[in-house]
C-alpha cells in the first residue's frame, strides 16, 4: 500500500477523470504516473516514486504541461 505524500494530496481531485500508469521495478520500487485535463482544458501531470515499503521517495505534479 502506498503512503501518499503532500504533493499527491495537493494534486488529487476525484471529480476529474484521469489516466494512470503504474509500474513496479525489479527491486519493488513503484512508479505512478497520472495525467488529466483540468477544468480549463490544460494537461496536468503527477509523477510519484515509492519505496517497496510504500513510503514516498519523490512526488511531483505539474498544473500545466505544453502540448
PDB file of N, CA and C in Angstrom:
ATOM      1  N   UNK A   1       0.845  -1.181   0.000  1.00  0.00           N
ATOM      2  CA  UNK A   1       0.000   0.000   0.000  1.00  0.00           C
ATOM      3  C   UNK A   1       0.889   1.243   0.000  1.00  0.00           C
ATOM      4  N   UNK A   2       0.567   2.170  -0.872  1.00  0.00           N
ATOM      5  CA  UNK A   2       1.345   3.411  -0.946  1.00  0.00           C
ATOM      6  C   UNK A   2       0.890   4.395   0.115  1.00  0.00           C
ATOM      7  N   UNK A   3       1.856   5.063   0.676  1.00  0.00           N
ATOM      8  CA  UNK A   3       1.566   6.126   1.634  1.00  0.00           C
ATOM      9  C   UNK A   3       1.782   7.433   0.880  1.00  0.00           C
ATOM     10  N   UNK A   4       0.691   8.037   0.470  1.00  0.00           N
ATOM     11  CA  UNK A   4       0.763   9.246  -0.352  1.00  0.00           C
ATOM     12  C   UNK A   4       1.288  10.422   0.456  1.00  0.00           C
ATOM     13  N   UNK A   5       2.041  11.271  -0.238  1.00  0.00           N
ATOM     14  CA  UNK A   5       2.608  12.451   0.385  1.00  0.00           C
ATOM     15  C   UNK A   5       1.780  13.700   0.122  1.00  0.00           C
ATOM     16  N   UNK A   6       2.297  14.825   0.576  1.00  0.00           N
ATOM     17  CA  UNK A   6       1.597  16.110   0.439  1.00  0.00           C
ATOM     18  C   UNK A   6       1.368  16.488  -1.019  1.00  0.00           C
ATOM     19  N   UNK A   7       2.337  16.200  -1.894  1.00  0.00           N
ATOM     20  CA  UNK A   7       2.192  16.576  -3.301  1.00  0.00           C
ATOM     21  C   UNK A   7       1.010  15.861  -3.942  1.00  0.00           C
ATOM     22  N   UNK A   8       0.840  14.576  -3.642  1.00  0.00           N
ATOM     23  CA  UNK A   8      -0.298  13.847  -4.210  1.00  0.00           C
ATOM     24  C   UNK A   8      -1.611  14.465  -3.752  1.00  0.00           C
ATOM     25  N   UNK A   9      -1.735  14.724  -2.461  1.00  0.00           N
ATOM     26  CA  UNK A   9      -2.995  15.256  -1.944  1.00  0.00           C
ATOM     27  C   UNK A   9      -3.258  16.681  -2.425  1.00  0.00           C
ATOM     28  N   UNK A  10      -2.217  17.441  -2.710  1.00  0.00           N
ATOM     29  CA  UNK A  10      -2.401  18.776  -3.292  1.00  0.00           C
ATOM     30  C   UNK A  10      -2.898  18.667  -4.728  1.00  0.00           C
ATOM     31  N   UNK A  11      -2.495  17.605  -5.421  1.00  0.00           N
ATOM     32  CA  UNK A  11      -2.865  17.404  -6.826  1.00  0.00           C
ATOM     33  C   UNK A  11      -4.209  16.697  -6.976  1.00  0.00           C
ATOM     34  N   UNK A  12      -4.549  15.835  -6.069  1.00  0.00           N
ATOM     35  CA  UNK A  12      -5.731  14.969  -6.185  1.00  0.00           C
ATOM     36  C   UNK A  12      -7.023  15.766  -6.326  1.00  0.00           C
ATOM     37  N   UNK A  13      -7.861  15.321  -7.245  1.00  0.00           N
ATOM     38  CA  UNK A  13      -9.205  15.866  -7.420  1.00  0.00           C
ATOM     39  C   UNK A  13     -10.068  14.735  -7.977  1.00  0.00           C
ATOM     40  N   UNK A  14     -10.820  14.048  -7.124  1.00  0.00           N
ATOM     41  CA  UNK A  14     -11.579  12.887  -7.579  1.00  0.00           C
ATOM     42  C   UNK A  14     -12.687  13.194  -8.582  1.00  0.00           C
ATOM     43  N   UNK A  15     -12.996  14.476  -8.778  1.00  0.00           N
ATOM     44  CA  UNK A  15     -14.059  14.808  -9.731  1.00  0.00           C
ATOM     45  C   UNK A  15     -13.550  14.865 -11.170  1.00  0.00           C
ATOM     46  N   UNK A  16     -12.228  14.878 -11.367  1.00  0.00           N
ATOM     47  CA  UNK A  16     -11.653  14.925 -12.713  1.00  0.00           C
ATOM     48  C   UNK A  16     -11.228  13.526 -13.154  1.00  0.00           C
ATOM     49  N   UNK A  17     -11.596  13.159 -14.377  1.00  0.00           N
ATOM     50  CA  UNK A  17     -11.185  11.873 -14.940  1.00  0.00           C
ATOM     51  C   UNK A  17      -9.692  11.918 -15.235  1.00  0.00           C
ATOM     52  N   UNK A  18      -8.989  10.833 -14.936  1.00  0.00           N
ATOM     53  CA  UNK A  18      -7.552  10.804 -15.184  1.00  0.00           C
ATOM     54  C   UNK A  18      -7.123   9.435 -15.695  1.00  0.00           C
ATOM     55  N   UNK A  19      -5.982   9.414 -16.332  1.00  0.00           N
ATOM     56  CA  UNK A  19      -5.358   8.192 -16.827  1.00  0.00           C
ATOM     57  C   UNK A  19      -4.215   7.850 -15.881  1.00  0.00           C
ATOM     58  N   UNK A  20      -4.017   6.550 -15.625  1.00  0.00           N
ATOM     59  CA  UNK A  20      -2.989   6.108 -14.688  1.00  0.00           C
ATOM     60  C   UNK A  20      -2.079   5.085 -15.352  1.00  0.00           C
ATOM     61  N   UNK A  21      -0.794   5.210 -15.096  1.00  0.00           N
ATOM     62  CA  UNK A  21       0.184   4.188 -15.484  1.00  0.00           C
ATOM     63  C   UNK A  21       0.995   3.852 -14.240  1.00  0.00           C
ATOM     64  N   UNK A  22       0.881   2.597 -13.777  1.00  0.00           N
ATOM     65  CA  UNK A  22       1.642   2.104 -12.629  1.00  0.00           C
ATOM     66  C   UNK A  22       2.671   1.113 -13.126  1.00  0.00           C
ATOM     67  N   UNK A  23       3.832   1.171 -12.535  1.00  0.00           N
ATOM     68  CA  UNK A  23       4.892   0.248 -12.906  1.00  0.00           C
ATOM     69  C   UNK A  23       5.686  -0.116 -11.654  1.00  0.00           C
ATOM     70  N   UNK A  24       6.077  -1.392 -11.554  1.00  0.00           N
ATOM     71  CA  UNK A  24       6.916  -1.848 -10.445  1.00  0.00           C
ATOM     72  C   UNK A  24       8.253  -2.300 -10.995  1.00  0.00           C
ATOM     73  N   UNK A  25       9.327  -1.816 -10.390  1.00  0.00           N
ATOM     74  CA  UNK A  25      10.670  -2.209 -10.794  1.00  0.00           C
ATOM     75  C   UNK A  25      11.062  -3.512 -10.098  1.00  0.00           C
ATOM     76  N   UNK A  26      12.112  -4.135 -10.565  1.00  0.00           N
ATOM     77  CA  UNK A  26      12.554  -5.426 -10.028  1.00  0.00           C
ATOM     78  C   UNK A  26      12.842  -5.363  -8.526  1.00  0.00           C
ATOM     79  N   UNK A  27      13.290  -4.214  -8.043  1.00  0.00           N
ATOM     80  CA  UNK A  27      13.608  -4.094  -6.610  1.00  0.00           C
ATOM     81  C   UNK A  27      12.393  -3.742  -5.755  1.00  0.00           C
ATOM     82  N   UNK A  28      11.207  -3.640  -6.364  1.00  0.00           N
ATOM     83  CA  UNK A  28       9.987  -3.330  -5.636  1.00  0.00           C
ATOM     84  C   UNK A  28       9.604  -1.870  -5.634  1.00  0.00           C
ATOM     85  N   UNK A  29      10.462  -1.003  -6.147  1.00  0.00           N
ATOM     86  CA  UNK A  29      10.137   0.418  -6.263  1.00  0.00           C
ATOM     87  C   UNK A  29       8.950   0.578  -7.218  1.00  0.00           C
ATOM     88  N   UNK A  30       8.012   1.410  -6.855  1.00  0.00           N
ATOM     89  CA  UNK A  30       6.815   1.627  -7.669  1.00  0.00           C
ATOM     90  C   UNK A  30       6.831   3.034  -8.261  1.00  0.00           C
ATOM     91  N   UNK A  31       6.412   3.125  -9.523  1.00  0.00           N
ATOM     92  CA  UNK A  31       6.306   4.408 -10.216  1.00  0.00           C
ATOM     93  C   UNK A  31       4.838   4.600 -10.596  1.00  0.00           C
ATOM     94  N   UNK A  32       4.309   5.747 -10.284  1.00  0.00           N
ATOM     95  CA  UNK A  32       2.909   6.079 -10.548  1.00  0.00           C
ATOM     96  C   UNK A  32       2.885   7.369 -11.372  1.00  0.00           C
ATOM     97  N   UNK A  33       2.338   7.284 -12.584  1.00  0.00           N
ATOM     98  CA  UNK A  33       2.215   8.455 -13.452  1.00  0.00           C
ATOM     99  C   UNK A  33       0.730   8.641 -13.756  1.00  0.00           C
ATOM    100  N   UNK A  34       0.223   9.851 -13.511  1.00  0.00           N
ATOM    101  CA  UNK A  34      -1.181  10.148 -13.769  1.00  0.00           C
ATOM    102  C   UNK A  34      -1.279  11.437 -14.569  1.00  0.00           C
ATOM    103  N   UNK A  35      -2.207  11.448 -15.509  1.00  0.00           N
ATOM    104  CA  UNK A  35      -2.453  12.666 -16.290  1.00  0.00           C
ATOM    105  C   UNK A  35      -3.949  12.913 -16.351  1.00  0.00           C
ATOM    106  N   UNK A  36      -4.296  14.162 -16.562  1.00  0.00           N
ATOM    107  CA  UNK A  36      -5.707  14.533 -16.664  1.00  0.00           C
ATOM    108  C   UNK A  36      -5.826  15.877 -17.354  1.00  0.00           C
ATOM    109  N   UNK A  37      -7.040  16.225 -17.725  1.00  0.00           N
ATOM    110  CA  UNK A  37      -7.340  17.560 -18.233  1.00  0.00           C
ATOM    111  C   UNK A  37      -7.950  18.368 -17.108  1.00  0.00           C
ATOM    112  N   UNK A  38      -7.459  19.573 -16.925  1.00  0.00           N
ATOM    113  CA  UNK A  38      -8.020  20.459 -15.902  1.00  0.00           C
ATOM    114  C   UNK A  38      -9.395  20.949 -16.357  1.00  0.00           C
ATOM    115  N   UNK A  39     -10.077  21.617 -15.479  1.00  0.00           N
ATOM    116  CA  UNK A  39     -11.385  22.184 -15.851  1.00  0.00           C
ATOM    117  C   UNK A  39     -11.251  23.211 -16.973  1.00  0.00           C
ATOM    118  N   UNK A  40     -10.074  23.828 -17.074  1.00  0.00           N
ATOM    119  CA  UNK A  40      -9.831  24.818 -18.129  1.00  0.00           C
ATOM    120  C   UNK A  40      -9.327  24.165 -19.420  1.00  0.00           C
ATOM    121  N   UNK A  41      -9.130  22.844 -19.405  1.00  0.00           N
ATOM    122  CA  UNK A  41      -8.705  22.142 -20.613  1.00  0.00           C
ATOM    123  C   UNK A  41      -7.211  21.933 -20.752  1.00  0.00           C
ATOM    124  N   UNK A  42      -6.431  22.286 -19.723  1.00  0.00           N
ATOM    125  CA  UNK A  42      -4.978  22.100 -19.773  1.00  0.00           C
ATOM    126  C   UNK A  42      -4.583  20.705 -19.302  1.00  0.00           C
ATOM    127  N   UNK A  43      -3.457  20.220 -19.782  1.00  0.00           N
ATOM    128  CA  UNK A  43      -2.947  18.909 -19.379  1.00  0.00           C
ATOM    129  C   UNK A  43      -2.194  19.027 -18.064  1.00  0.00           C
ATOM    130  N   UNK A  44      -2.551  18.199 -17.093  1.00  0.00           N
ATOM    131  CA  UNK A  44      -1.891  18.168 -15.803  1.00  0.00           C
ATOM    132  C   UNK A  44      -1.242  16.802 -15.607  1.00  0.00           C
ATOM    133  N   UNK A  45      -0.125  16.763 -14.876  1.00  0.00           N
ATOM    134  CA  UNK A  45       0.653  15.543 -14.732  1.00  0.00           C
ATOM    135  C   UNK A  45       1.110  15.366 -13.289  1.00  0.00           C
ATOM    136  N   UNK A  46       1.020  14.123 -12.807  1.00  0.00           N
ATOM    137  CA  UNK A  46       1.537  13.753 -11.493  1.00  0.00           C
ATOM    138  C   UNK A  46       2.495  12.581 -11.676  1.00  0.00           C
ATOM    139  N   UNK A  47       3.651  12.633 -10.997  1.00  0.00           N
ATOM    140  CA  UNK A  47       4.618  11.540 -11.010  1.00  0.00           C
ATOM    141  C   UNK A  47       4.986  11.239  -9.565  1.00  0.00           C
ATOM    142  N   UNK A  48       4.834   9.978  -9.163  1.00  0.00           N
ATOM    143  CA  UNK A  48       5.200   9.555  -7.818  1.00  0.00           C
ATOM    144  C   UNK A  48       6.114   8.346  -7.878  1.00  0.00           C
ATOM    145  N   UNK A  49       7.105   8.325  -7.017  1.00  0.00           N
ATOM    146  CA  UNK A  49       8.016   7.184  -6.903  1.00  0.00           C
ATOM    147  C   UNK A  49       7.975   6.744  -5.443  1.00  0.00           C
ATOM    148  N   UNK A  50       7.746   5.425  -5.228  1.00  0.00           N
ATOM    149  CA  UNK A  50       7.528   4.893  -3.891  1.00  0.00           C
ATOM    150  C   UNK A  50       8.451   3.719  -3.615  1.00  0.00           C
ATOM    151  N   UNK A  51       8.957   3.652  -2.399  1.00  0.00           N
ATOM    152  CA  UNK A  51       9.812   2.548  -1.962  1.00  0.00           C
ATOM    153  C   UNK A  51       8.986   1.261  -1.879  1.00  0.00           C
ATOM    154  N   UNK A  52       9.637   0.116  -1.848  1.00  0.00           N
ATOM    155  CA  UNK A  52       8.902  -1.145  -1.705  1.00  0.00           C
ATOM    156  C   UNK A  52       7.994  -1.171  -0.465  1.00  0.00           C
ATOM    157  N   UNK A  53       8.356  -0.449   0.562  1.00  0.00           N
ATOM    158  CA  UNK A  53       7.539  -0.375   1.780  1.00  0.00           C
ATOM    159  C   UNK A  53       6.302   0.505   1.596  1.00  0.00           C
ATOM    160  N   UNK A  54       6.243   1.267   0.496  1.00  0.00           N
ATOM    161  CA  UNK A  54       5.125   2.167   0.233  1.00  0.00           C
ATOM    162  C   UNK A  54       5.413   3.616   0.562  1.00  0.00           C
ATOM    163  N   UNK A  55       6.542   3.879   1.211  1.00  0.00           N
ATOM    164  CA  UNK A  55       6.879   5.265   1.564  1.00  0.00           C
ATOM    165  C   UNK A  55       7.243   6.080   0.328  1.00  0.00           C
ATOM    166  N   UNK A  56       6.957   7.355   0.376  1.00  0.00           N
ATOM    167  CA  UNK A  56       7.256   8.274  -0.725  1.00  0.00           C
ATOM    168  C   UNK A  56       8.765   8.457  -0.875  1.00  0.00           C
ATOM    169  N   UNK A  57       9.268   8.256  -2.082  1.00  0.00           N
ATOM    170  CA  UNK A  57      10.642   8.634  -2.397  1.00  0.00           C
ATOM    171  C   UNK A  57      10.649  10.004  -3.057  1.00  0.00           C
ATOM    172  N   UNK A  58       9.674  10.233  -3.946  1.00  0.00           N
ATOM    173  CA  UNK A  58       9.546  11.536  -4.609  1.00  0.00           C
ATOM    174  C   UNK A  58       8.153  11.644  -5.210  1.00  0.00           C
ATOM    175  N   UNK A  59       7.566  12.816  -5.123  1.00  0.00           N
ATOM    176  CA  UNK A  59       6.296  13.118  -5.780  1.00  0.00           C
ATOM    177  C   UNK A  59       6.399  14.520  -6.363  1.00  0.00           C
ATOM    178  N   UNK A  60       5.935  14.666  -7.587  1.00  0.00           N
ATOM    179  CA  UNK A  60       5.897  15.974  -8.231  1.00  0.00           C
ATOM    180  C   UNK A  60       4.624  16.069  -9.048  1.00  0.00           C
ATOM    181  N   UNK A  61       4.083  17.270  -9.152  1.00  0.00           N
ATOM    182  CA  UNK A  61       2.956  17.468 -10.053  1.00  0.00           C
ATOM    183  C   UNK A  61       3.126  18.766 -10.808  1.00  0.00           C
ATOM    184  N   UNK A  62       2.506  18.815 -11.951  1.00  0.00           N
ATOM    185  CA  UNK A  62       2.594  19.956 -12.849  1.00  0.00           C
ATOM    186  C   UNK A  62       1.176  20.359 -13.212  1.00  0.00           C
ATOM    187  N   UNK A  63       0.820  21.607 -12.915  1.00  0.00           N
ATOM    188  CA  UNK A  63      -0.525  22.099 -13.206  1.00  0.00           C
ATOM    189  C   UNK A  63      -0.748  22.345 -14.690  1.00  0.00           C
ATOM    190  N   UNK A  64       0.318  22.500 -15.436  1.00  0.00           N
ATOM    191  CA  UNK A  64       0.183  22.757 -16.863  1.00  0.00           C
ATOM    192  C   UNK A  64       1.391  22.184 -17.600  1.00  0.00           C
ATOM    193  N   UNK A  65       1.122  21.434 -18.649  1.00  0.00           N
ATOM    194  CA  UNK A  65       2.170  20.880 -19.498  1.00  0.00           C
ATOM    195  C   UNK A  65       1.859  21.293 -20.930  1.00  0.00           C
ATOM    196  N   UNK A  66       2.824  21.852 -21.628  1.00  0.00           N
ATOM    197  CA  UNK A  66       2.567  22.243 -23.015  1.00  0.00           C
ATOM    198  C   UNK A  66       2.305  21.024 -23.902  1.00  0.00           C
ATOM    199  N   UNK A  67       1.401  21.195 -24.844  1.00  0.00           N
ATOM    200  CA  UNK A  67       1.117  20.130 -25.825  1.00  0.00           C
ATOM    201  C   UNK A  67       0.257  19.059 -25.264  1.00  0.00           C
TER     202      UNK A  67
END
